[in-house]
Each structure stands twice: as C-alpha cells, then as structure tokens.
C-alpha cells in the first residue's frame, strides 16, 4: 500500500508541475490522505503495536 501512496504523491507532484486543474489535484490529495489514514489505522490495529488500547484510541482520534 505504501508504494501505491508513493505513486499517488508522485502523480500529484506531476499534476502540479503540469498546471493541472485544481479540483483534479485536490481529488488526488484527498485520495492519498485517505490511503495514509488507512495505513495508520492498520498500524494501530496491528498486534505487534505495543501501545495500550487507550493510547491507540487516543492516537487514532488525534491523527485520523
């Protein structure tokens, strides 16, 4: 998933450099943000994440 997000970000940079329509650029930015939030949720839900449940919930609310 992170490689795909990297591709999205590179695509956004190219769109900006190519002076693409603002709405199209913003659509891609929102899509990339959504993907990053999904990764964040996965990290917090991962069984290897050693944070106590209440700390995970705090981080989830704070950043996502």
PDB file of N, CA and C in Angstrom:
ATOM      1  N   UNK A   1       0.821  -1.193   0.000  1.00  0.00           N
ATOM      2  CA  UNK A   1       0.000   0.000   0.000  1.00  0.00           C
ATOM      3  C   UNK A   1       0.871   1.266   0.000  1.00  0.00           C
ATOM      4  N   UNK A   2       1.996   1.230   0.706  1.00  0.00           N
ATOM      5  CA  UNK A   2       2.838   2.429   0.768  1.00  0.00           C
ATOM      6  C   UNK A   2       3.444   2.782  -0.588  1.00  0.00           C
ATOM      7  N   UNK A   3       3.756   1.760  -1.392  1.00  0.00           N
ATOM      8  CA  UNK A   3       4.265   2.043  -2.734  1.00  0.00           C
ATOM      9  C   UNK A   3       3.198   2.744  -3.569  1.00  0.00           C
ATOM     10  N   UNK A   4       1.962   2.301  -3.410  1.00  0.00           N
ATOM     11  CA  UNK A   4       0.863   2.930  -4.145  1.00  0.00           C
ATOM     12  C   UNK A   4       0.699   4.388  -3.713  1.00  0.00           C
ATOM     13  N   UNK A   5       0.807   4.633  -2.413  1.00  0.00           N
ATOM     14  CA  UNK A   5       0.694   6.004  -1.901  1.00  0.00           C
ATOM     15  C   UNK A   5       1.835   6.854  -2.456  1.00  0.00           C
ATOM     16  N   UNK A   6       3.035   6.273  -2.500  1.00  0.00           N
ATOM     17  CA  UNK A   6       4.167   6.988  -3.094  1.00  0.00           C
ATOM     18  C   UNK A   6       3.888   7.349  -4.543  1.00  0.00           C
ATOM     19  N   UNK A   7       3.276   6.424  -5.263  1.00  0.00           N
ATOM     20  CA  UNK A   7       2.894   6.699  -6.648  1.00  0.00           C
ATOM     21  C   UNK A   7       1.860   7.805  -6.737  1.00  0.00           C
ATOM     22  N   UNK A   8       0.910   7.796  -5.794  1.00  0.00           N
ATOM     23  CA  UNK A   8      -0.101   8.858  -5.767  1.00  0.00           C
ATOM     24  C   UNK A   8       0.564  10.220  -5.540  1.00  0.00           C
ATOM     25  N   UNK A   9       1.482  10.273  -4.600  1.00  0.00           N
ATOM     26  CA  UNK A   9       2.150  11.538  -4.281  1.00  0.00           C
ATOM     27  C   UNK A   9       2.989  12.014  -5.468  1.00  0.00           C
ATOM     28  N   UNK A  10       3.696  11.107  -6.105  1.00  0.00           N
ATOM     29  CA  UNK A  10       4.458  11.481  -7.297  1.00  0.00           C
ATOM     30  C   UNK A  10       3.532  11.994  -8.397  1.00  0.00           C
ATOM     31  N   UNK A  11       2.378  11.350  -8.534  1.00  0.00           N
ATOM     32  CA  UNK A  11       1.395  11.790  -9.518  1.00  0.00           C
ATOM     33  C   UNK A  11       0.870  13.181  -9.204  1.00  0.00           C
ATOM     34  N   UNK A  12       0.665  13.451  -7.928  1.00  0.00           N
ATOM     35  CA  UNK A  12       0.201  14.785  -7.515  1.00  0.00           C
ATOM     36  C   UNK A  12       1.254  15.836  -7.864  1.00  0.00           C
ATOM     37  N   UNK A  13       2.508  15.532  -7.579  1.00  0.00           N
ATOM     38  CA  UNK A  13       3.593  16.466  -7.901  1.00  0.00           C
ATOM     39  C   UNK A  13       3.636  16.743  -9.399  1.00  0.00           C
ATOM     40  N   UNK A  14       3.470  15.700 -10.198  1.00  0.00           N
ATOM     41  CA  UNK A  14       3.474  15.872 -11.650  1.00  0.00           C
ATOM     42  C   UNK A  14       2.284  16.725 -12.100  1.00  0.00           C
ATOM     43  N   UNK A  15       1.122  16.460 -11.500  1.00  0.00           N
ATOM     44  CA  UNK A  15      -0.070  17.244 -11.848  1.00  0.00           C
ATOM     45  C   UNK A  15       0.145  18.726 -11.549  1.00  0.00           C
ATOM     46  N   UNK A  16       0.755  19.002 -10.411  1.00  0.00           N
ATOM     47  CA  UNK A  16       1.014  20.401 -10.031  1.00  0.00           C
ATOM     48  C   UNK A  16       2.012  21.026 -10.997  1.00  0.00           C
ATOM     49  N   UNK A  17       3.090  20.294 -11.302  1.00  0.00           N
ATOM     50  CA  UNK A  17       4.090  20.806 -12.249  1.00  0.00           C
ATOM     51  C   UNK A  17       3.502  21.042 -13.633  1.00  0.00           C
ATOM     52  N   UNK A  18       2.513  20.226 -14.000  1.00  0.00           N
ATOM     53  CA  UNK A  18       1.871  20.355 -15.310  1.00  0.00           C
ATOM     54  C   UNK A  18       0.688  21.326 -15.293  1.00  0.00           C
ATOM     55  N   UNK A  19       0.513  22.026 -14.170  1.00  0.00           N
ATOM     56  CA  UNK A  19      -0.588  23.001 -14.007  1.00  0.00           C
ATOM     57  C   UNK A  19      -1.959  22.398 -14.296  1.00  0.00           C
ATOM     58  N   UNK A  20      -2.195  21.206 -13.752  1.00  0.00           N
ATOM     59  CA  UNK A  20      -3.497  20.562 -13.930  1.00  0.00           C
ATOM     60  C   UNK A  20      -4.562  21.288 -13.120  1.00  0.00           C
ATOM     61  N   UNK A  21      -5.799  21.017 -13.454  1.00  0.00           N
ATOM     62  CA  UNK A  21      -6.957  21.610 -12.803  1.00  0.00           C
ATOM     63  C   UNK A  21      -6.898  21.408 -11.281  1.00  0.00           C
ATOM     64  N   UNK A  22      -7.189  22.462 -10.535  1.00  0.00           N
ATOM     65  CA  UNK A  22      -7.122  22.444  -9.071  1.00  0.00           C
ATOM     66  C   UNK A  22      -8.020  21.350  -8.486  1.00  0.00           C
ATOM     67  N   UNK A  23      -9.215  21.203  -9.020  1.00  0.00           N
ATOM     68  CA  UNK A  23     -10.137  20.190  -8.492  1.00  0.00           C
ATOM     69  C   UNK A  23      -9.568  18.782  -8.666  1.00  0.00           C
ATOM     70  N   UNK A  24      -8.943  18.524  -9.795  1.00  0.00           N
ATOM     71  CA  UNK A  24      -8.345  17.210 -10.045  1.00  0.00           C
ATOM     72  C   UNK A  24      -7.184  16.952  -9.081  1.00  0.00           C
ATOM     73  N   UNK A  25      -6.379  17.975  -8.848  1.00  0.00           N
ATOM     74  CA  UNK A  25      -5.254  17.841  -7.913  1.00  0.00           C
ATOM     75  C   UNK A  25      -5.774  17.569  -6.510  1.00  0.00           C
ATOM     76  N   UNK A  26      -6.780  18.328  -6.087  1.00  0.00           N
ATOM     77  CA  UNK A  26      -7.339  18.153  -4.746  1.00  0.00           C
ATOM     78  C   UNK A  26      -7.978  16.773  -4.584  1.00  0.00           C
ATOM     79  N   UNK A  27      -8.598  16.278  -5.633  1.00  0.00           N
ATOM     80  CA  UNK A  27      -9.181  14.933  -5.583  1.00  0.00           C
ATOM     81  C   UNK A  27      -8.097  13.903  -5.298  1.00  0.00           C
ATOM     82  N   UNK A  28      -6.951  14.044  -5.947  1.00  0.00           N
ATOM     83  CA  UNK A  28      -5.846  13.111  -5.729  1.00  0.00           C
ATOM     84  C   UNK A  28      -5.233  13.279  -4.340  1.00  0.00           C
ATOM     85  N   UNK A  29      -5.171  14.504  -3.847  1.00  0.00           N
ATOM     86  CA  UNK A  29      -4.645  14.742  -2.498  1.00  0.00           C
ATOM     87  C   UNK A  29      -5.544  14.073  -1.465  1.00  0.00           C
ATOM     88  N   UNK A  30      -6.843  14.221  -1.615  1.00  0.00           N
ATOM     89  CA  UNK A  30      -7.783  13.594  -0.684  1.00  0.00           C
ATOM     90  C   UNK A  30      -7.656  12.070  -0.740  1.00  0.00           C
ATOM     91  N   UNK A  31      -7.486  11.522  -1.939  1.00  0.00           N
ATOM     92  CA  UNK A  31      -7.317  10.069  -2.078  1.00  0.00           C
ATOM     93  C   UNK A  31      -6.049   9.603  -1.366  1.00  0.00           C
ATOM     94  N   UNK A  32      -4.954  10.338  -1.506  1.00  0.00           N
ATOM     95  CA  UNK A  32      -3.703   9.972  -0.845  1.00  0.00           C
ATOM     96  C   UNK A  32      -3.842  10.074   0.674  1.00  0.00           C
ATOM     97  N   UNK A  33      -4.515  11.110   1.137  1.00  0.00           N
ATOM     98  CA  UNK A  33      -4.737  11.263   2.577  1.00  0.00           C
ATOM     99  C   UNK A  33      -5.556  10.101   3.129  1.00  0.00           C
ATOM    100  N   UNK A  34      -6.568   9.699   2.396  1.00  0.00           N
ATOM    101  CA  UNK A  34      -7.401   8.577   2.815  1.00  0.00           C
ATOM    102  C   UNK A  34      -6.572   7.298   2.906  1.00  0.00           C
ATOM    103  N   UNK A  35      -5.701   7.103   1.935  1.00  0.00           N
ATOM    104  CA  UNK A  35      -4.828   5.922   1.944  1.00  0.00           C
ATOM    105  C   UNK A  35      -3.894   5.939   3.146  1.00  0.00           C
ATOM    106  N   UNK A  36      -3.333   7.106   3.456  1.00  0.00           N
ATOM    107  CA  UNK A  36      -2.439   7.213   4.610  1.00  0.00           C
ATOM    108  C   UNK A  36      -3.190   6.956   5.913  1.00  0.00           C
ATOM    109  N   UNK A  37      -4.420   7.434   6.005  1.00  0.00           N
ATOM    110  CA  UNK A  37      -5.219   7.168   7.206  1.00  0.00           C
ATOM    111  C   UNK A  37      -5.460   5.676   7.363  1.00  0.00           C
ATOM    112  N   UNK A  38      -5.697   5.013   6.252  1.00  0.00           N
ATOM    113  CA  UNK A  38      -5.911   3.568   6.287  1.00  0.00           C
ATOM    114  C   UNK A  38      -4.661   2.846   6.794  1.00  0.00           C
ATOM    115  N   UNK A  39      -3.502   3.279   6.334  1.00  0.00           N
ATOM    116  CA  UNK A  39      -2.245   2.690   6.814  1.00  0.00           C
ATOM    117  C   UNK A  39      -2.088   2.944   8.311  1.00  0.00           C
ATOM    118  N   UNK A  40      -2.398   4.150   8.750  1.00  0.00           N
ATOM    119  CA  UNK A  40      -2.308   4.477  10.174  1.00  0.00           C
ATOM    120  C   UNK A  40      -3.207   3.599  11.024  1.00  0.00           C
ATOM    121  N   UNK A  41      -4.432   3.393  10.561  1.00  0.00           N
ATOM    122  CA  UNK A  41      -5.352   2.515  11.290  1.00  0.00           C
ATOM    123  C   UNK A  41      -4.802   1.085  11.352  1.00  0.00           C
ATOM    124  N   UNK A  42      -4.218   0.643  10.250  1.00  0.00           N
ATOM    125  CA  UNK A  42      -3.651  -0.707  10.218  1.00  0.00           C
ATOM    126  C   UNK A  42      -2.498  -0.849  11.202  1.00  0.00           C
ATOM    127  N   UNK A  43      -1.647   0.173  11.269  1.00  0.00           N
ATOM    128  CA  UNK A  43      -0.510   0.139  12.202  1.00  0.00           C
ATOM    129  C   UNK A  43      -1.011   0.058  13.641  1.00  0.00           C
ATOM    130  N   UNK A  44      -2.011   0.871  13.965  1.00  0.00           N
ATOM    131  CA  UNK A  44      -2.525   0.862  15.335  1.00  0.00           C
ATOM    132  C   UNK A  44      -3.264  -0.433  15.665  1.00  0.00           C
ATOM    133  N   UNK A  45      -3.866  -1.057  14.678  1.00  0.00           N
ATOM    134  CA  UNK A  45      -4.603  -2.298  14.904  1.00  0.00           C
ATOM    135  C   UNK A  45      -3.691  -3.524  14.907  1.00  0.00           C
ATOM    136  N   UNK A  46      -2.478  -3.362  14.390  1.00  0.00           N
ATOM    137  CA  UNK A  46      -1.555  -4.492  14.280  1.00  0.00           C
ATOM    138  C   UNK A  46      -1.231  -5.048  15.664  1.00  0.00           C
ATOM    139  N   UNK A  47      -1.201  -6.344  15.755  1.00  0.00           N
ATOM    140  CA  UNK A  47      -0.929  -6.982  17.048  1.00  0.00           C
ATOM    141  C   UNK A  47       0.493  -6.724  17.535  1.00  0.00           C
ATOM    142  N   UNK A  48       1.385  -6.294  16.632  1.00  0.00           N
ATOM    143  CA  UNK A  48       2.756  -6.004  17.065  1.00  0.00           C
ATOM    144  C   UNK A  48       2.883  -4.589  17.636  1.00  0.00           C
ATOM    145  N   UNK A  49       1.843  -3.776  17.492  1.00  0.00           N
ATOM    146  CA  UNK A  49       1.849  -2.435  18.072  1.00  0.00           C
ATOM    147  C   UNK A  49       1.726  -2.599  19.583  1.00  0.00           C
ATOM    148  N   UNK A  50       2.728  -2.145  20.315  1.00  0.00           N
ATOM    149  CA  UNK A  50       2.794  -2.413  21.747  1.00  0.00           C
ATOM    150  C   UNK A  50       2.093  -1.360  22.608  1.00  0.00           C
ATOM    151  N   UNK A  51       1.373  -0.448  21.980  1.00  0.00           N
ATOM    152  CA  UNK A  51       0.674   0.562  22.766  1.00  0.00           C
ATOM    153  C   UNK A  51      -0.536  -0.035  23.473  1.00  0.00           C
ATOM    154  N   UNK A  52      -0.790   0.434  24.689  1.00  0.00           N
ATOM    155  CA  UNK A  52      -2.034   0.010  25.347  1.00  0.00           C
ATOM    156  C   UNK A  52      -3.242   0.488  24.534  1.00  0.00           C
ATOM    157  N   UNK A  53      -4.337  -0.211  24.660  1.00  0.00           N
ATOM    158  CA  UNK A  53      -5.550   0.078  23.886  1.00  0.00           C
ATOM    159  C   UNK A  53      -5.944   1.552  23.979  1.00  0.00           C
ATOM    160  N   UNK A  54      -5.932   2.119  25.174  1.00  0.00           N
ATOM    161  CA  UNK A  54      -6.367   3.519  25.343  1.00  0.00           C
ATOM    162  C   UNK A  54      -5.438   4.498  24.621  1.00  0.00           C
ATOM    163  N   UNK A  55      -4.142   4.182  24.572  1.00  0.00           N
ATOM    164  CA  UNK A  55      -3.199   5.025  23.836  1.00  0.00           C
ATOM    165  C   UNK A  55      -3.440   4.928  22.335  1.00  0.00           C
ATOM    166  N   UNK A  56      -3.726   3.724  21.862  1.00  0.00           N
ATOM    167  CA  UNK A  56      -4.031   3.542  20.446  1.00  0.00           C
ATOM    168  C   UNK A  56      -5.268   4.340  20.051  1.00  0.00           C
ATOM    169  N   UNK A  57      -6.287   4.298  20.891  1.00  0.00           N
ATOM    170  CA  UNK A  57      -7.521   5.037  20.619  1.00  0.00           C
ATOM    171  C   UNK A  57      -7.239   6.537  20.599  1.00  0.00           C
ATOM    172  N   UNK A  58      -6.420   7.020  21.537  1.00  0.00           N
ATOM    173  CA  UNK A  58      -6.050   8.441  21.565  1.00  0.00           C
ATOM    174  C   UNK A  58      -5.363   8.862  20.273  1.00  0.00           C
ATOM    175  N   UNK A  59      -4.386   8.062  19.856  1.00  0.00           N
ATOM    176  CA  UNK A  59      -3.680   8.372  18.626  1.00  0.00           C
ATOM    177  C   UNK A  59      -4.611   8.346  17.423  1.00  0.00           C
ATOM    178  N   UNK A  60      -5.489   7.376  17.408  1.00  0.00           N
ATOM    179  CA  UNK A  60      -6.443   7.260  16.306  1.00  0.00           C
ATOM    180  C   UNK A  60      -7.302   8.509  16.211  1.00  0.00           C
ATOM    181  N   UNK A  61      -7.805   8.967  17.339  1.00  0.00           N
ATOM    182  CA  UNK A  61      -8.638  10.187  17.351  1.00  0.00           C
ATOM    183  C   UNK A  61      -7.823  11.426  17.007  1.00  0.00           C
ATOM    184  N   UNK A  62      -6.582  11.470  17.475  1.00  0.00           N
ATOM    185  CA  UNK A  62      -5.755  12.652  17.261  1.00  0.00           C
ATOM    186  C   UNK A  62      -5.306  12.808  15.821  1.00  0.00           C
ATOM    187  N   UNK A  63      -4.888  11.736  15.200  1.00  0.00           N
ATOM    188  CA  UNK A  63      -4.304  11.827  13.878  1.00  0.00           C
ATOM    189  C   UNK A  63      -5.221  11.393  12.748  1.00  0.00           C
ATOM    190  N   UNK A  64      -6.205  10.593  13.029  1.00  0.00           N
ATOM    191  CA  UNK A  64      -7.033  10.074  11.953  1.00  0.00           C
ATOM    192  C   UNK A  64      -8.447  10.529  12.135  1.00  0.00           C
TER     193      UNK A  64
END
